[in-house]
Each structure stands twice: as C-alpha cells, then as structure tokens.
Amino acid sequence: RLLDIGLAYRCVCTPEDLERMRRQAMASGLKPKYDGRCREAEWPA
C-alpha cells in the first residue's frame, strides 16, 4: 500500500554503499543517514 501511494520505495544500496555514505556524511559534519539516492529510481520488473 505504501509503495502504491508513493510513501515507500525500493532501495538496492549494499551495506558497503551505506557504510560509504555514513563515512562521507560524518566527514562533512552531517548526520550519518541514508542519502536518498534510490528515492526516485525506476526499478526493472
């Protein structure tokens, strides 16, 4: 239901991707959170 109404989305980031994001955010003085790169992606069937 959340996927259908646009309140959820698929994310294919690997644990390594997430660790890299976390390190980059902390190095920039930001909170270590997901950067949203999959928010608007279209995924194949």
PDB file of all heavy atoms in Angstrom:
ATOM      1  N   ARG A   1       0.840  -1.202   0.000  1.00  0.00           N
ATOM      2  CA  ARG A   1       0.000   0.000   0.000  1.00  0.00           C
ATOM      3  C   ARG A   1       0.876   1.252   0.000  1.00  0.00           C
ATOM      4  O   ARG A   1       0.631   2.191  -0.764  1.00  0.00           O
ATOM      5  CB  ARG A   1      -0.928  -0.002   1.222  1.00  0.00           C
ATOM      6  CG  ARG A   1      -1.931   1.150   1.233  1.00  0.00           C
ATOM      7  CD  ARG A   1      -2.814   1.103   2.474  1.00  0.00           C
ATOM      8  NE  ARG A   1      -2.093   1.456   3.680  1.00  0.00           N
ATOM      9  CZ  ARG A   1      -1.786   2.714   4.046  1.00  0.00           C
ATOM     10  NH1 ARG A   1      -2.126   3.728   3.288  1.00  0.00           N
ATOM     11  NH2 ARG A   1      -1.132   2.941   5.168  1.00  0.00           N
ATOM     12  N   LEU A   2       1.910   1.282   0.843  1.00  0.00           N
ATOM     13  CA  LEU A   2       2.799   2.439   0.888  1.00  0.00           C
ATOM     14  C   LEU A   2       3.561   2.614  -0.424  1.00  0.00           C
ATOM     15  O   LEU A   2       3.771   3.739  -0.880  1.00  0.00           O
ATOM     16  CB  LEU A   2       3.767   2.318   2.068  1.00  0.00           C
ATOM     17  CG  LEU A   2       3.125   2.448   3.451  1.00  0.00           C
ATOM     18  CD1 LEU A   2       4.143   2.130   4.545  1.00  0.00           C
ATOM     19  CD2 LEU A   2       2.516   3.820   3.660  1.00  0.00           C
ATOM     20  N   LEU A   3       3.971   1.507  -1.051  1.00  0.00           N
ATOM     21  CA  LEU A   3       4.619   1.587  -2.361  1.00  0.00           C
ATOM     22  C   LEU A   3       3.655   2.165  -3.405  1.00  0.00           C
ATOM     23  O   LEU A   3       4.024   3.048  -4.187  1.00  0.00           O
ATOM     24  CB  LEU A   3       5.103   0.209  -2.815  1.00  0.00           C
ATOM     25  CG  LEU A   3       6.363  -0.331  -2.161  1.00  0.00           C
ATOM     26  CD1 LEU A   3       6.511  -1.829  -2.435  1.00  0.00           C
ATOM     27  CD2 LEU A   3       7.591   0.432  -2.622  1.00  0.00           C
ATOM     28  N   ASP A   4       2.420   1.680  -3.384  1.00  0.00           N
ATOM     29  CA  ASP A   4       1.429   2.117  -4.371  1.00  0.00           C
ATOM     30  C   ASP A   4       1.113   3.607  -4.273  1.00  0.00           C
ATOM     31  O   ASP A   4       0.853   4.255  -5.284  1.00  0.00           O
ATOM     32  CB  ASP A   4       0.127   1.311  -4.233  1.00  0.00           C
ATOM     33  CG  ASP A   4       0.266  -0.129  -4.687  1.00  0.00           C
ATOM     34  OD1 ASP A   4       1.262  -0.458  -5.371  1.00  0.00           O
ATOM     35  OD2 ASP A   4      -0.622  -0.939  -4.333  1.00  0.00           O
ATOM     36  N   ILE A   5       1.120   4.150  -3.068  1.00  0.00           N
ATOM     37  CA  ILE A   5       0.769   5.567  -2.911  1.00  0.00           C
ATOM     38  C   ILE A   5       2.004   6.465  -2.857  1.00  0.00           C
ATOM     39  O   ILE A   5       1.894   7.664  -2.608  1.00  0.00           O
ATOM     40  CB  ILE A   5      -0.150   5.806  -1.697  1.00  0.00           C
ATOM     41  CG1 ILE A   5       0.537   5.434  -0.380  1.00  0.00           C
ATOM     42  CG2 ILE A   5      -1.466   5.059  -1.866  1.00  0.00           C
ATOM     43  CD1 ILE A   5      -0.274   5.780   0.864  1.00  0.00           C
ATOM     44  N   GLY A   6       3.177   5.890  -3.080  1.00  0.00           N
ATOM     45  CA  GLY A   6       4.391   6.686  -3.156  1.00  0.00           C
ATOM     46  C   GLY A   6       5.023   7.062  -1.833  1.00  0.00           C
ATOM     47  O   GLY A   6       5.906   7.919  -1.774  1.00  0.00           O
ATOM     48  N   LEU A   7       4.601   6.419  -0.748  1.00  0.00           N
ATOM     49  CA  LEU A   7       5.193   6.710   0.554  1.00  0.00           C
ATOM     50  C   LEU A   7       6.307   5.733   0.934  1.00  0.00           C
ATOM     51  O   LEU A   7       6.823   5.776   2.043  1.00  0.00           O
ATOM     52  CB  LEU A   7       4.122   6.724   1.645  1.00  0.00           C
ATOM     53  CG  LEU A   7       3.170   7.922   1.594  1.00  0.00           C
ATOM     54  CD1 LEU A   7       2.097   7.802   2.664  1.00  0.00           C
ATOM     55  CD2 LEU A   7       3.939   9.228   1.744  1.00  0.00           C
ATOM     56  N   ALA A   8       6.638   4.856   0.001  1.00  0.00           N
ATOM     57  CA  ALA A   8       7.750   3.925   0.207  1.00  0.00           C
ATOM     58  C   ALA A   8       8.390   3.676  -1.154  1.00  0.00           C
ATOM     59  O   ALA A   8       7.780   3.933  -2.196  1.00  0.00           O
ATOM     60  CB  ALA A   8       7.254   2.619   0.817  1.00  0.00           C
ATOM     61  N   TYR A   9       9.624   3.190  -1.131  1.00  0.00           N
ATOM     62  CA  TYR A   9      10.339   2.909  -2.375  1.00  0.00           C
ATOM     63  C   TYR A   9      11.369   1.820  -2.145  1.00  0.00           C
ATOM     64  O   TYR A   9      11.779   1.553  -1.019  1.00  0.00           O
ATOM     65  CB  TYR A   9      10.993   4.175  -2.931  1.00  0.00           C
ATOM     66  CG  TYR A   9      12.041   4.784  -2.029  1.00  0.00           C
ATOM     67  CD1 TYR A   9      13.387   4.468  -2.161  1.00  0.00           C
ATOM     68  CD2 TYR A   9      11.683   5.701  -1.042  1.00  0.00           C
ATOM     69  CE1 TYR A   9      14.354   5.032  -1.336  1.00  0.00           C
ATOM     70  CE2 TYR A   9      12.634   6.274  -0.215  1.00  0.00           C
ATOM     71  CZ  TYR A   9      13.960   5.938  -0.367  1.00  0.00           C
ATOM     72  OH  TYR A   9      14.910   6.492   0.467  1.00  0.00           O
ATOM     73  N   ARG A  10      11.764   1.193  -3.260  1.00  0.00           N
ATOM     74  CA  ARG A  10      12.776   0.137  -3.226  1.00  0.00           C
ATOM     75  C   ARG A  10      14.162   0.757  -3.174  1.00  0.00           C
ATOM     76  O   ARG A  10      14.423   1.762  -3.825  1.00  0.00           O
ATOM     77  CB  ARG A  10      12.662  -0.753  -4.457  1.00  0.00           C
ATOM     78  CG  ARG A  10      11.354  -1.493  -4.517  1.00  0.00           C
ATOM     79  CD  ARG A  10      11.281  -2.473  -5.672  1.00  0.00           C
ATOM     80  NE  ARG A  10       9.967  -3.078  -5.675  1.00  0.00           N
ATOM     81  CZ  ARG A  10       9.552  -4.011  -4.823  1.00  0.00           C
ATOM     82  NH1 ARG A  10      10.382  -4.469  -3.917  1.00  0.00           N
ATOM     83  NH2 ARG A  10       8.333  -4.491  -4.880  1.00  0.00           N
ATOM     84  N   CYS A  11      15.048   0.130  -2.430  1.00  0.00           N
ATOM     85  CA  CYS A  11      16.433   0.597  -2.315  1.00  0.00           C
ATOM     86  C   CYS A  11      17.351  -0.608  -2.491  1.00  0.00           C
ATOM     87  O   CYS A  11      17.209  -1.608  -1.791  1.00  0.00           O
ATOM     88  CB  CYS A  11      16.666   1.246  -0.955  1.00  0.00           C
ATOM     89  SG  CYS A  11      18.379   1.714  -0.642  1.00  0.00           S
ATOM     90  N   VAL A  12      18.287  -0.486  -3.439  1.00  0.00           N
ATOM     91  CA  VAL A  12      19.197  -1.589  -3.731  1.00  0.00           C
ATOM     92  C   VAL A  12      20.617  -1.319  -3.241  1.00  0.00           C
ATOM     93  O   VAL A  12      21.545  -2.036  -3.599  1.00  0.00           O
ATOM     94  CB  VAL A  12      19.214  -1.908  -5.246  1.00  0.00           C
ATOM     95  CG1 VAL A  12      17.850  -2.408  -5.700  1.00  0.00           C
ATOM     96  CG2 VAL A  12      19.657  -0.713  -6.054  1.00  0.00           C
ATOM     97  N   CYS A  13      20.791  -0.319  -2.415  1.00  0.00           N
ATOM     98  CA  CYS A  13      22.126   0.002  -1.892  1.00  0.00           C
ATOM     99  C   CYS A  13      22.644  -1.160  -1.052  1.00  0.00           C
ATOM    100  O   CYS A  13      21.899  -1.750  -0.252  1.00  0.00           O
ATOM    101  CB  CYS A  13      22.091   1.279  -1.073  1.00  0.00           C
ATOM    102  SG  CYS A  13      21.701   2.738  -2.065  1.00  0.00           S
ATOM    103  N   THR A  14      23.901  -1.461  -1.222  1.00  0.00           N
ATOM    104  CA  THR A  14      24.533  -2.547  -0.467  1.00  0.00           C
ATOM    105  C   THR A  14      25.000  -2.030   0.893  1.00  0.00           C
ATOM    106  O   THR A  14      25.119  -0.820   1.094  1.00  0.00           O
ATOM    107  CB  THR A  14      25.750  -3.082  -1.237  1.00  0.00           C
ATOM    108  OG1 THR A  14      26.730  -2.031  -1.300  1.00  0.00           O
ATOM    109  CG2 THR A  14      25.367  -3.551  -2.631  1.00  0.00           C
ATOM    110  N   PRO A  15      25.299  -2.932   1.816  1.00  0.00           N
ATOM    111  CA  PRO A  15      25.872  -2.487   3.095  1.00  0.00           C
ATOM    112  C   PRO A  15      27.145  -1.656   2.895  1.00  0.00           C
ATOM    113  O   PRO A  15      27.386  -0.703   3.626  1.00  0.00           O
ATOM    114  CB  PRO A  15      26.165  -3.804   3.823  1.00  0.00           C
ATOM    115  CG  PRO A  15      25.156  -4.762   3.269  1.00  0.00           C
ATOM    116  CD  PRO A  15      25.010  -4.368   1.816  1.00  0.00           C
ATOM    117  N   GLU A  16      27.914  -2.003   1.874  1.00  0.00           N
ATOM    118  CA  GLU A  16      29.141  -1.236   1.590  1.00  0.00           C
ATOM    119  C   GLU A  16      28.794   0.185   1.127  1.00  0.00           C
ATOM    120  O   GLU A  16      29.450   1.156   1.530  1.00  0.00           O
ATOM    121  CB  GLU A  16      29.991  -1.947   0.535  1.00  0.00           C
ATOM    122  CG  GLU A  16      30.547  -3.295   0.966  1.00  0.00           C
ATOM    123  CD  GLU A  16      29.526  -4.444   0.923  1.00  0.00           C
ATOM    124  OE1 GLU A  16      28.508  -4.336   0.202  1.00  0.00           O
ATOM    125  OE2 GLU A  16      29.740  -5.442   1.636  1.00  0.00           O
ATOM    126  N   ASP A  17      27.750   0.302   0.292  1.00  0.00           N
ATOM    127  CA  ASP A  17      27.287   1.628  -0.141  1.00  0.00           C
ATOM    128  C   ASP A  17      26.871   2.458   1.074  1.00  0.00           C
ATOM    129  O   ASP A  17      27.221   3.643   1.180  1.00  0.00           O
ATOM    130  CB  ASP A  17      26.071   1.520  -1.077  1.00  0.00           C
ATOM    131  CG  ASP A  17      26.374   0.869  -2.403  1.00  0.00           C
ATOM    132  OD1 ASP A  17      27.537   0.927  -2.866  1.00  0.00           O
ATOM    133  OD2 ASP A  17      25.429   0.297  -2.995  1.00  0.00           O
ATOM    134  N   LEU A  18      26.123   1.841   1.955  1.00  0.00           N
ATOM    135  CA  LEU A  18      25.616   2.554   3.131  1.00  0.00           C
ATOM    136  C   LEU A  18      26.749   2.985   4.054  1.00  0.00           C
ATOM    137  O   LEU A  18      26.733   4.094   4.597  1.00  0.00           O
ATOM    138  CB  LEU A  18      24.604   1.681   3.879  1.00  0.00           C
ATOM    139  CG  LEU A  18      23.356   1.301   3.082  1.00  0.00           C
ATOM    140  CD1 LEU A  18      22.505   0.321   3.869  1.00  0.00           C
ATOM    141  CD2 LEU A  18      22.565   2.529   2.680  1.00  0.00           C
ATOM    142  N   GLU A  19      27.741   2.145   4.220  1.00  0.00           N
ATOM    143  CA  GLU A  19      28.906   2.493   5.051  1.00  0.00           C
ATOM    144  C   GLU A  19      29.662   3.661   4.420  1.00  0.00           C
ATOM    145  O   GLU A  19      30.098   4.574   5.120  1.00  0.00           O
ATOM    146  CB  GLU A  19      29.809   1.285   5.243  1.00  0.00           C
ATOM    147  CG  GLU A  19      31.066   1.555   6.047  1.00  0.00           C
ATOM    148  CD  GLU A  19      30.800   2.069   7.460  1.00  0.00           C
ATOM    149  OE1 GLU A  19      29.719   1.801   8.030  1.00  0.00           O
ATOM    150  OE2 GLU A  19      31.675   2.766   8.011  1.00  0.00           O
ATOM    151  N   ARG A  20      29.791   3.630   3.127  1.00  0.00           N
ATOM    152  CA  ARG A  20      30.474   4.733   2.414  1.00  0.00           C
ATOM    153  C   ARG A  20      29.700   6.047   2.617  1.00  0.00           C
ATOM    154  O   ARG A  20      30.288   7.089   2.888  1.00  0.00           O
ATOM    155  CB  ARG A  20      30.596   4.375   0.928  1.00  0.00           C
ATOM    156  CG  ARG A  20      31.607   5.171   0.161  1.00  0.00           C
ATOM    157  CD  ARG A  20      31.904   4.632  -1.241  1.00  0.00           C
ATOM    158  NE  ARG A  20      30.886   3.817  -1.907  1.00  0.00           N
ATOM    159  CZ  ARG A  20      30.874   2.479  -1.947  1.00  0.00           C
ATOM    160  NH1 ARG A  20      31.828   1.776  -1.364  1.00  0.00           N
ATOM    161  NH2 ARG A  20      29.911   1.829  -2.571  1.00  0.00           N
ATOM    162  N   MET A  21      28.374   5.997   2.502  1.00  0.00           N
ATOM    163  CA  MET A  21      27.542   7.191   2.725  1.00  0.00           C
ATOM    164  C   MET A  21      27.719   7.719   4.145  1.00  0.00           C
ATOM    165  O   MET A  21      27.814   8.920   4.364  1.00  0.00           O
ATOM    166  CB  MET A  21      26.058   6.856   2.515  1.00  0.00           C
ATOM    167  CG  MET A  21      25.620   6.716   1.106  1.00  0.00           C
ATOM    168  SD  MET A  21      23.860   6.266   1.097  1.00  0.00           S
ATOM    169  CE  MET A  21      23.876   5.025  -0.182  1.00  0.00           C
ATOM    170  N   ARG A  22      27.725   6.785   5.097  1.00  0.00           N
ATOM    171  CA  ARG A  22      27.869   7.157   6.500  1.00  0.00           C
ATOM    172  C   ARG A  22      29.193   7.873   6.733  1.00  0.00           C
ATOM    173  O   ARG A  22      29.249   8.937   7.353  1.00  0.00           O
ATOM    174  CB  ARG A  22      27.763   5.910   7.392  1.00  0.00           C
ATOM    175  CG  ARG A  22      27.756   6.209   8.882  1.00  0.00           C
ATOM    176  CD  ARG A  22      27.823   4.935   9.703  1.00  0.00           C
ATOM    177  NE  ARG A  22      29.135   4.328   9.681  1.00  0.00           N
ATOM    178  CZ  ARG A  22      30.200   4.800  10.347  1.00  0.00           C
ATOM    179  NH1 ARG A  22      30.101   5.866  11.083  1.00  0.00           N
ATOM    180  NH2 ARG A  22      31.356   4.185  10.280  1.00  0.00           N
ATOM    181  N   ARG A  23      30.269   7.307   6.204  1.00  0.00           N
ATOM    182  CA  ARG A  23      31.595   7.925   6.375  1.00  0.00           C
ATOM    183  C   ARG A  23      31.667   9.299   5.723  1.00  0.00           C
ATOM    184  O   ARG A  23      32.213  10.244   6.289  1.00  0.00           O
ATOM    185  CB  ARG A  23      32.685   7.007   5.828  1.00  0.00           C
ATOM    186  CG  ARG A  23      33.033   5.848   6.750  1.00  0.00           C
ATOM    187  CD  ARG A  23      34.345   5.161   6.355  1.00  0.00           C
ATOM    188  NE  ARG A  23      34.464   4.887   4.936  1.00  0.00           N
ATOM    189  CZ  ARG A  23      34.128   3.745   4.349  1.00  0.00           C
ATOM    190  NH1 ARG A  23      33.663   2.757   5.065  1.00  0.00           N
ATOM    191  NH2 ARG A  23      34.268   3.594   3.043  1.00  0.00           N
ATOM    192  N   GLN A  24      31.121   9.416   4.513  1.00  0.00           N
ATOM    193  CA  GLN A  24      31.140  10.696   3.805  1.00  0.00           C
ATOM    194  C   GLN A  24      30.343  11.764   4.559  1.00  0.00           C
ATOM    195  O   GLN A  24      30.782  12.911   4.668  1.00  0.00           O
ATOM    196  CB  GLN A  24      30.592  10.539   2.384  1.00  0.00           C
ATOM    197  CG  GLN A  24      31.517   9.787   1.462  1.00  0.00           C
ATOM    198  CD  GLN A  24      30.865   9.442   0.125  1.00  0.00           C
ATOM    199  OE1 GLN A  24      29.652   9.530  -0.048  1.00  0.00           O
ATOM    200  NE2 GLN A  24      31.689   9.012  -0.827  1.00  0.00           N
ATOM    201  N   ALA A  25      29.185  11.396   5.067  1.00  0.00           N
ATOM    202  CA  ALA A  25      28.360  12.352   5.814  1.00  0.00           C
ATOM    203  C   ALA A  25      29.096  12.822   7.063  1.00  0.00           C
ATOM    204  O   ALA A  25      29.153  14.024   7.343  1.00  0.00           O
ATOM    205  CB  ALA A  25      27.019  11.719   6.177  1.00  0.00           C
ATOM    206  N   MET A  26      29.671  11.892   7.803  1.00  0.00           N
ATOM    207  CA  MET A  26      30.381  12.259   9.034  1.00  0.00           C
ATOM    208  C   MET A  26      31.601  13.119   8.728  1.00  0.00           C
ATOM    209  O   MET A  26      31.880  14.083   9.451  1.00  0.00           O
ATOM    210  CB  MET A  26      30.750  11.005   9.824  1.00  0.00           C
ATOM    211  CG  MET A  26      29.516  10.310  10.391  1.00  0.00           C
ATOM    212  SD  MET A  26      29.894   8.816  11.311  1.00  0.00           S
ATOM    213  CE  MET A  26      30.652   9.509  12.755  1.00  0.00           C
ATOM    214  N   ALA A  27      32.306  12.817   7.650  1.00  0.00           N
ATOM    215  CA  ALA A  27      33.474  13.614   7.270  1.00  0.00           C
ATOM    216  C   ALA A  27      33.065  15.035   6.897  1.00  0.00           C
ATOM    217  O   ALA A  27      33.845  15.978   7.061  1.00  0.00           O
ATOM    218  CB  ALA A  27      34.211  12.954   6.105  1.00  0.00           C
ATOM    219  N   SER A  28      31.810  15.189   6.438  1.00  0.00           N
ATOM    220  CA  SER A  28      31.309  16.515   6.067  1.00  0.00           C
ATOM    221  C   SER A  28      30.604  17.209   7.224  1.00  0.00           C
ATOM    222  O   SER A  28      30.027  18.279   7.040  1.00  0.00           O
ATOM    223  CB  SER A  28      30.331  16.393   4.895  1.00  0.00           C
ATOM    224  OG  SER A  28      30.965  15.819   3.778  1.00  0.00           O
ATOM    225  N   GLY A  29      30.600  16.575   8.397  1.00  0.00           N
ATOM    226  CA  GLY A  29      29.941  17.161   9.562  1.00  0.00           C
ATOM    227  C   GLY A  29      28.426  17.000   9.552  1.00  0.00           C
ATOM    228  O   GLY A  29      27.726  17.702  10.286  1.00  0.00           O
ATOM    229  N   LEU A  30      27.918  16.068   8.744  1.00  0.00           N
ATOM    230  CA  LEU A  30      26.480  15.830   8.662  1.00  0.00           C
ATOM    231  C   LEU A  30      26.109  14.590   9.461  1.00  0.00           C
ATOM    232  O   LEU A  30      26.962  13.773   9.803  1.00  0.00           O
ATOM    233  CB  LEU A  30      26.070  15.635   7.195  1.00  0.00           C
ATOM    234  CG  LEU A  30      26.390  16.798   6.255  1.00  0.00           C
ATOM    235  CD1 LEU A  30      26.119  16.384   4.805  1.00  0.00           C
ATOM    236  CD2 LEU A  30      25.571  18.019   6.629  1.00  0.00           C
ATOM    237  N   LYS A  31      24.803  14.443   9.711  1.00  0.00           N
ATOM    238  CA  LYS A  31      24.331  13.235  10.382  1.00  0.00           C
ATOM    239  C   LYS A  31      24.525  12.043   9.449  1.00  0.00           C
ATOM    240  O   LYS A  31      24.286  12.149   8.245  1.00  0.00           O
ATOM    241  CB  LYS A  31      22.854  13.363  10.748  1.00  0.00           C
ATOM    242  CG  LYS A  31      22.621  14.295  11.894  1.00  0.00           C
ATOM    243  CD  LYS A  31      21.194  14.211  12.357  1.00  0.00           C
ATOM    244  CE  LYS A  31      21.055  15.061  13.599  1.00  0.00           C
ATOM    245  NZ  LYS A  31      19.758  14.916  14.214  1.00  0.00           N
ATOM    246  N   PRO A  32      24.945  10.911  10.004  1.00  0.00           N
ATOM    247  CA  PRO A  32      25.169   9.727   9.167  1.00  0.00           C
ATOM    248  C   PRO A  32      23.855   9.039   8.818  1.00  0.00           C
ATOM    249  O   PRO A  32      23.407   8.143   9.510  1.00  0.00           O
ATOM    250  CB  PRO A  32      26.045   8.841  10.050  1.00  0.00           C
ATOM    251  CG  PRO A  32      25.661   9.229  11.444  1.00  0.00           C
ATOM    252  CD  PRO A  32      25.326  10.692  11.391  1.00  0.00           C
ATOM    253  N   LYS A  33      23.221   9.508   7.757  1.00  0.00           N
ATOM    254  CA  LYS A  33      21.948   8.920   7.346  1.00  0.00           C
ATOM    255  C   LYS A  33      21.981   8.582   5.862  1.00  0.00           C
ATOM    256  O   LYS A  33      22.865   9.024   5.135  1.00  0.00           O
ATOM    257  CB  LYS A  33      20.788   9.862   7.670  1.00  0.00           C
ATOM    258  CG  LYS A  33      20.787  11.146   6.893  1.00  0.00           C
ATOM    259  CD  LYS A  33      19.556  11.975   7.227  1.00  0.00           C
ATOM    260  CE  LYS A  33      19.340  13.025   6.160  1.00  0.00           C
ATOM    261  NZ  LYS A  33      18.043  13.601   6.208  1.00  0.00           N
ATOM    262  N   TYR A  34      21.004   7.825   5.444  1.00  0.00           N
ATOM    263  CA  TYR A  34      20.877   7.423   4.053  1.00  0.00           C
ATOM    264  C   TYR A  34      20.691   8.671   3.195  1.00  0.00           C
ATOM    265  O   TYR A  34      19.900   9.557   3.533  1.00  0.00           O
ATOM    266  CB  TYR A  34      19.686   6.473   3.915  1.00  0.00           C
ATOM    267  CG  TYR A  34      19.403   6.072   2.500  1.00  0.00           C
ATOM    268  CD1 TYR A  34      20.308   5.294   1.797  1.00  0.00           C
ATOM    269  CD2 TYR A  34      18.249   6.480   1.862  1.00  0.00           C
ATOM    270  CE1 TYR A  34      20.059   4.926   0.486  1.00  0.00           C
ATOM    271  CE2 TYR A  34      17.989   6.106   0.555  1.00  0.00           C
ATOM    272  CZ  TYR A  34      18.900   5.346  -0.124  1.00  0.00           C
ATOM    273  OH  TYR A  34      18.651   4.982  -1.422  1.00  0.00           O
ATOM    274  N   ASP A  35      21.377   8.743   2.056  1.00  0.00           N
ATOM    275  CA  ASP A  35      21.345   9.955   1.238  1.00  0.00           C
ATOM    276  C   ASP A  35      20.196  10.012   0.225  1.00  0.00           C
ATOM    277  O   ASP A  35      20.058  10.995  -0.504  1.00  0.00           O
ATOM    278  CB  ASP A  35      22.687  10.179   0.528  1.00  0.00           C
ATOM    279  CG  ASP A  35      22.992   9.165  -0.555  1.00  0.00           C
ATOM    280  OD1 ASP A  35      22.121   8.319  -0.881  1.00  0.00           O
ATOM    281  OD2 ASP A  35      24.114   9.214  -1.090  1.00  0.00           O
ATOM    282  N   GLY A  36      19.366   8.984   0.173  1.00  0.00           N
ATOM    283  CA  GLY A  36      18.177   9.026  -0.668  1.00  0.00           C
ATOM    284  C   GLY A  36      18.404   8.750  -2.140  1.00  0.00           C
ATOM    285  O   GLY A  36      17.531   9.014  -2.965  1.00  0.00           O
ATOM    286  N   ARG A  37      19.537   8.178  -2.489  1.00  0.00           N
ATOM    287  CA  ARG A  37      19.853   8.000  -3.914  1.00  0.00           C
ATOM    288  C   ARG A  37      18.869   7.099  -4.660  1.00  0.00           C
ATOM    289  O   ARG A  37      18.776   7.192  -5.875  1.00  0.00           O
ATOM    290  CB  ARG A  37      21.277   7.508  -4.099  1.00  0.00           C
ATOM    291  CG  ARG A  37      21.554   6.119  -3.567  1.00  0.00           C
ATOM    292  CD  ARG A  37      22.977   5.716  -3.773  1.00  0.00           C
ATOM    293  NE  ARG A  37      23.832   6.681  -3.083  1.00  0.00           N
ATOM    294  CZ  ARG A  37      25.139   6.651  -3.078  1.00  0.00           C
ATOM    295  NH1 ARG A  37      25.762   5.710  -3.730  1.00  0.00           N
ATOM    296  NH2 ARG A  37      25.835   7.537  -2.425  1.00  0.00           N
ATOM    297  N   CYS A  38      18.129   6.245  -3.972  1.00  0.00           N
ATOM    298  CA  CYS A  38      17.166   5.376  -4.658  1.00  0.00           C
ATOM    299  C   CYS A  38      15.734   5.924  -4.623  1.00  0.00           C
ATOM    300  O   CYS A  38      14.818   5.294  -5.158  1.00  0.00           O
ATOM    301  CB  CYS A  38      17.178   3.978  -4.033  1.00  0.00           C
ATOM    302  SG  CYS A  38      18.707   3.056  -4.301  1.00  0.00           S
ATOM    303  N   ARG A  39      15.525   7.088  -4.021  1.00  0.00           N
ATOM    304  CA  ARG A  39      14.170   7.653  -3.850  1.00  0.00           C
ATOM    305  C   ARG A  39      13.380   7.750  -5.152  1.00  0.00           C
ATOM    306  O   ARG A  39      12.190   7.477  -5.180  1.00  0.00           O
ATOM    307  CB  ARG A  39      14.238   9.042  -3.220  1.00  0.00           C
ATOM    308  CG  ARG A  39      14.386   9.052  -1.729  1.00  0.00           C
ATOM    309  CD  ARG A  39      14.481  10.471  -1.203  1.00  0.00           C
ATOM    310  NE  ARG A  39      13.197  11.121  -1.129  1.00  0.00           N
ATOM    311  CZ  ARG A  39      12.473  11.240  -0.035  1.00  0.00           C
ATOM    312  NH1 ARG A  39      12.917  10.763   1.104  1.00  0.00           N
ATOM    313  NH2 ARG A  39      11.322  11.854  -0.050  1.00  0.00           N
ATOM    314  N   GLU A  40      14.021   8.179  -6.213  1.00  0.00           N
ATOM    315  CA  GLU A  40      13.310   8.422  -7.472  1.00  0.00           C
ATOM    316  C   GLU A  40      13.685   7.430  -8.569  1.00  0.00           C
ATOM    317  O   GLU A  40      13.292   7.608  -9.717  1.00  0.00           O
ATOM    318  CB  GLU A  40      13.578   9.855  -7.947  1.00  0.00           C
ATOM    319  CG  GLU A  40      13.250  10.928  -6.923  1.00  0.00           C
ATOM    320  CD  GLU A  40      11.839  10.857  -6.354  1.00  0.00           C
ATOM    321  OE1 GLU A  40      10.896  10.482  -7.085  1.00  0.00           O
ATOM    322  OE2 GLU A  40      11.673  11.156  -5.153  1.00  0.00           O
ATOM    323  N   ALA A  41      14.430   6.411  -8.236  1.00  0.00           N
ATOM    324  CA  ALA A  41      14.884   5.448  -9.249  1.00  0.00           C
ATOM    325  C   ALA A  41      13.721   4.574  -9.716  1.00  0.00           C
ATOM    326  O   ALA A  41      12.813   4.264  -8.959  1.00  0.00           O
ATOM    327  CB  ALA A  41      15.993   4.584  -8.670  1.00  0.00           C
ATOM    328  N   GLU A  42      13.768   4.181 -10.966  1.00  0.00           N
ATOM    329  CA  GLU A  42      12.807   3.234 -11.534  1.00  0.00           C
ATOM    330  C   GLU A  42      13.489   1.874 -11.586  1.00  0.00           C
ATOM    331  O   GLU A  42      14.569   1.743 -12.153  1.00  0.00           O
ATOM    332  CB  GLU A  42      12.396   3.669 -12.942  1.00  0.00           C
ATOM    333  CG  GLU A  42      11.612   4.965 -12.974  1.00  0.00           C
ATOM    334  CD  GLU A  42      10.232   4.836 -12.347  1.00  0.00           C
ATOM    335  OE1 GLU A  42       9.622   3.763 -12.454  1.00  0.00           O
ATOM    336  OE2 GLU A  42       9.780   5.820 -11.728  1.00  0.00           O
ATOM    337  N   TRP A  43      12.862   0.861 -11.008  1.00  0.00           N
ATOM    338  CA  TRP A  43      13.485  -0.459 -10.951  1.00  0.00           C
ATOM    339  C   TRP A  43      12.816  -1.397 -11.918  1.00  0.00           C
ATOM    340  O   TRP A  43      11.595  -1.398 -12.066  1.00  0.00           O
ATOM    341  CB  TRP A  43      13.422  -1.015  -9.531  1.00  0.00           C
ATOM    342  CG  TRP A  43      14.135  -0.105  -8.581  1.00  0.00           C
ATOM    343  CD1 TRP A  43      13.576   0.657  -7.615  1.00  0.00           C
ATOM    344  CD2 TRP A  43      15.527   0.195  -8.549  1.00  0.00           C
ATOM    345  NE1 TRP A  43      14.538   1.404  -6.982  1.00  0.00           N
ATOM    346  CE2 TRP A  43      15.748   1.142  -7.536  1.00  0.00           C
ATOM    347  CE3 TRP A  43      16.618  -0.253  -9.293  1.00  0.00           C
ATOM    348  CZ2 TRP A  43      16.995   1.646  -7.229  1.00  0.00           C
ATOM    349  CZ3 TRP A  43      17.871   0.258  -8.984  1.00  0.00           C
ATOM    350  CH2 TRP A  43      18.046   1.190  -7.967  1.00  0.00           C
ATOM    351  N   PRO A  44      13.595  -2.225 -12.568  1.00  0.00           N
ATOM    352  CA  PRO A  44      13.021  -3.178 -13.531  1.00  0.00           C
ATOM    353  C   PRO A  44      12.147  -4.209 -12.832  1.00  0.00           C
ATOM    354  O   PRO A  44      12.272  -4.433 -11.626  1.00  0.00           O
ATOM    355  CB  PRO A  44      14.253  -3.832 -14.151  1.00  0.00           C
ATOM    356  CG  PRO A  44      15.350  -3.621 -13.174  1.00  0.00           C
ATOM    357  CD  PRO A  44      15.042  -2.339 -12.441  1.00  0.00           C
ATOM    358  N   ALA A  45      11.282  -4.822 -13.615  1.00  0.00           N
ATOM    359  CA  ALA A  45      10.355  -5.816 -13.066  1.00  0.00           C
ATOM    360  C   ALA A  45      11.077  -7.032 -12.505  1.00  0.00           C
ATOM    361  O   ALA A  45      10.484  -7.822 -11.781  1.00  0.00           O
ATOM    362  CB  ALA A  45       9.363  -6.243 -14.142  1.00  0.00           C
TER     363      ALA A  45
END
